[in-house]
Amino acid sequence: MNDNQLIVLKWMIKTVNFQDMLIELDGAFESVPNEVCEAYENISQKEKIEVIHKATGILLKELF
């Protein structure tokens, strides 16, 4: 993963509600730190999917 992906991933796995986080991240709401918004904007669609996939895997492990 590149630096921008890691910035987004670290923020994603810290959030409480995964679905809300996805909506906020894609809409660049005020609740998303500027650094995360900029990093998210600077990654490709494929890289975004890779980040979401990785974050989902991490969060699923934490649940079980």
N, C-alpha and C. Protein backbone atom coordinates (compact mmCIF):
# COMPACT_ATOMS: atom_id res chain seq x y z
N MET A 1 0.85 -1.19 0.00
CA MET A 1 0.00 0.00 0.00
C MET A 1 0.89 1.25 0.00
N ASN A 2 0.42 2.27 -0.71
CA ASN A 2 1.19 3.51 -0.72
C ASN A 2 0.82 4.37 0.49
N ASP A 3 1.52 5.49 0.65
CA ASP A 3 1.33 6.35 1.82
C ASP A 3 -0.10 6.86 1.94
N ASN A 4 -0.69 7.28 0.82
CA ASN A 4 -2.07 7.78 0.87
C ASN A 4 -3.05 6.69 1.29
N GLN A 5 -2.83 5.49 0.81
CA GLN A 5 -3.70 4.38 1.20
C GLN A 5 -3.57 4.11 2.70
N LEU A 6 -2.36 4.18 3.22
CA LEU A 6 -2.14 3.91 4.65
C LEU A 6 -2.81 4.97 5.53
N ILE A 7 -2.77 6.22 5.09
CA ILE A 7 -3.43 7.30 5.84
C ILE A 7 -4.93 7.00 5.93
N VAL A 8 -5.52 6.65 4.81
CA VAL A 8 -6.96 6.35 4.77
C VAL A 8 -7.27 5.10 5.60
N LEU A 9 -6.46 4.07 5.45
CA LEU A 9 -6.68 2.82 6.19
C LEU A 9 -6.63 3.05 7.69
N LYS A 10 -5.65 3.77 8.18
CA LYS A 10 -5.53 4.02 9.62
C LYS A 10 -6.76 4.74 10.16
N TRP A 11 -7.29 5.68 9.39
CA TRP A 11 -8.49 6.38 9.82
C TRP A 11 -9.70 5.45 9.79
N MET A 12 -9.79 4.65 8.75
CA MET A 12 -10.95 3.76 8.60
C MET A 12 -11.07 2.76 9.75
N ILE A 13 -9.96 2.20 10.18
CA ILE A 13 -10.06 1.17 11.21
C ILE A 13 -10.27 1.75 12.60
N LYS A 14 -10.18 3.07 12.73
CA LYS A 14 -10.44 3.71 14.02
C LYS A 14 -11.89 4.14 14.19
N THR A 15 -12.65 4.13 13.10
CA THR A 15 -14.03 4.61 13.16
C THR A 15 -14.96 3.57 13.79
N VAL A 16 -16.01 4.06 14.39
CA VAL A 16 -16.95 3.19 15.09
C VAL A 16 -17.95 2.55 14.13
N ASN A 17 -18.49 3.32 13.22
CA ASN A 17 -19.52 2.82 12.31
C ASN A 17 -18.97 2.80 10.89
N PHE A 18 -18.69 1.62 10.38
CA PHE A 18 -18.04 1.46 9.08
C PHE A 18 -18.87 2.04 7.95
N GLN A 19 -20.17 1.82 7.95
CA GLN A 19 -21.02 2.31 6.87
C GLN A 19 -21.07 3.83 6.85
N ASP A 20 -21.22 4.45 8.01
CA ASP A 20 -21.22 5.92 8.07
C ASP A 20 -19.89 6.47 7.59
N MET A 21 -18.80 5.80 7.97
CA MET A 21 -17.47 6.24 7.59
C MET A 21 -17.33 6.27 6.08
N LEU A 22 -17.83 5.25 5.39
CA LEU A 22 -17.73 5.21 3.93
C LEU A 22 -18.47 6.37 3.29
N ILE A 23 -19.65 6.66 3.81
CA ILE A 23 -20.45 7.77 3.28
C ILE A 23 -19.74 9.10 3.54
N GLU A 24 -19.23 9.27 4.75
CA GLU A 24 -18.54 10.51 5.09
C GLU A 24 -17.26 10.68 4.28
N LEU A 25 -16.53 9.62 4.09
CA LEU A 25 -15.27 9.70 3.36
C LEU A 25 -15.52 10.07 1.91
N ASP A 26 -16.47 9.45 1.28
CA ASP A 26 -16.75 9.73 -0.13
C ASP A 26 -17.34 11.12 -0.32
N GLY A 27 -18.03 11.62 0.68
CA GLY A 27 -18.63 12.96 0.59
C GLY A 27 -17.76 14.05 1.17
N ALA A 28 -16.62 13.67 1.75
CA ALA A 28 -15.68 14.63 2.36
C ALA A 28 -16.38 15.52 3.39
N PHE A 29 -17.08 14.92 4.33
CA PHE A 29 -17.75 15.66 5.39
C PHE A 29 -16.73 16.24 6.37
N GLU A 30 -17.17 17.18 7.18
CA GLU A 30 -16.28 17.83 8.13
C GLU A 30 -15.73 16.86 9.18
N SER A 31 -16.38 15.75 9.40
CA SER A 31 -15.93 14.79 10.40
C SER A 31 -14.67 14.04 9.95
N VAL A 32 -14.35 14.13 8.66
CA VAL A 32 -13.17 13.45 8.12
C VAL A 32 -12.01 14.45 8.14
N PRO A 33 -10.89 14.08 8.78
CA PRO A 33 -9.74 14.98 8.81
C PRO A 33 -9.26 15.35 7.40
N ASN A 34 -8.77 16.57 7.23
CA ASN A 34 -8.31 17.04 5.92
C ASN A 34 -7.26 16.12 5.32
N GLU A 35 -6.34 15.65 6.14
CA GLU A 35 -5.28 14.77 5.65
C GLU A 35 -5.86 13.51 5.01
N VAL A 36 -6.91 12.97 5.62
CA VAL A 36 -7.55 11.77 5.11
C VAL A 36 -8.29 12.08 3.80
N CYS A 37 -9.00 13.20 3.75
CA CYS A 37 -9.70 13.60 2.52
C CYS A 37 -8.73 13.75 1.36
N GLU A 38 -7.63 14.44 1.61
CA GLU A 38 -6.63 14.65 0.56
C GLU A 38 -6.03 13.33 0.09
N ALA A 39 -5.72 12.47 1.04
CA ALA A 39 -5.15 11.17 0.68
C ALA A 39 -6.14 10.36 -0.14
N TYR A 40 -7.41 10.38 0.27
CA TYR A 40 -8.45 9.62 -0.44
C TYR A 40 -8.64 10.14 -1.86
N GLU A 41 -8.58 11.45 -2.03
CA GLU A 41 -8.74 12.05 -3.35
C GLU A 41 -7.58 11.71 -4.27
N ASN A 42 -6.42 11.42 -3.70
CA ASN A 42 -5.22 11.18 -4.50
C ASN A 42 -4.93 9.70 -4.77
N ILE A 43 -5.90 8.84 -4.50
CA ILE A 43 -5.71 7.43 -4.84
C ILE A 43 -6.72 7.02 -5.91
N SER A 44 -6.34 6.05 -6.69
CA SER A 44 -7.19 5.58 -7.79
C SER A 44 -8.38 4.79 -7.25
N GLN A 45 -9.31 4.52 -8.13
CA GLN A 45 -10.48 3.70 -7.76
C GLN A 45 -10.03 2.32 -7.26
N LYS A 46 -9.07 1.74 -7.96
CA LYS A 46 -8.55 0.42 -7.56
C LYS A 46 -7.93 0.49 -6.16
N GLU A 47 -7.16 1.54 -5.90
CA GLU A 47 -6.53 1.70 -4.59
C GLU A 47 -7.57 1.92 -3.50
N LYS A 48 -8.65 2.63 -3.81
CA LYS A 48 -9.73 2.83 -2.84
C LYS A 48 -10.36 1.50 -2.46
N ILE A 49 -10.60 0.67 -3.47
CA ILE A 49 -11.18 -0.65 -3.21
C ILE A 49 -10.23 -1.50 -2.38
N GLU A 50 -8.94 -1.43 -2.67
CA GLU A 50 -7.95 -2.18 -1.88
C GLU A 50 -7.96 -1.74 -0.42
N VAL A 51 -8.07 -0.43 -0.19
CA VAL A 51 -8.10 0.09 1.18
C VAL A 51 -9.36 -0.38 1.91
N ILE A 52 -10.49 -0.29 1.24
CA ILE A 52 -11.75 -0.73 1.85
C ILE A 52 -11.69 -2.22 2.15
N HIS A 53 -11.14 -2.99 1.24
CA HIS A 53 -11.00 -4.43 1.44
C HIS A 53 -10.12 -4.72 2.67
N LYS A 54 -9.00 -4.05 2.76
CA LYS A 54 -8.07 -4.26 3.89
C LYS A 54 -8.73 -3.85 5.20
N ALA A 55 -9.39 -2.68 5.21
CA ALA A 55 -10.04 -2.20 6.43
C ALA A 55 -11.15 -3.15 6.86
N THR A 56 -11.91 -3.64 5.91
CA THR A 56 -12.98 -4.59 6.23
C THR A 56 -12.42 -5.85 6.87
N GLY A 57 -11.34 -6.36 6.32
CA GLY A 57 -10.71 -7.55 6.87
C GLY A 57 -10.24 -7.34 8.31
N ILE A 58 -9.63 -6.19 8.56
CA ILE A 58 -9.15 -5.87 9.91
C ILE A 58 -10.32 -5.76 10.88
N LEU A 59 -11.36 -5.05 10.47
CA LEU A 59 -12.53 -4.86 11.35
C LEU A 59 -13.27 -6.17 11.61
N LEU A 60 -13.34 -7.03 10.61
CA LEU A 60 -13.98 -8.34 10.82
C LEU A 60 -13.21 -9.17 11.83
N LYS A 61 -11.90 -9.14 11.78
CA LYS A 61 -11.09 -9.89 12.75
C LYS A 61 -11.33 -9.38 14.17
N GLU A 62 -11.51 -8.06 14.30
CA GLU A 62 -11.76 -7.49 15.62
C GLU A 62 -13.12 -7.89 16.18
N LEU A 63 -14.09 -8.12 15.29
CA LEU A 63 -15.43 -8.50 15.73
C LEU A 63 -15.48 -9.95 16.23
N PHE A 64 -14.66 -10.79 15.66
CA PHE A 64 -14.72 -12.21 16.01
C PHE A 64 -13.47 -12.57 16.67
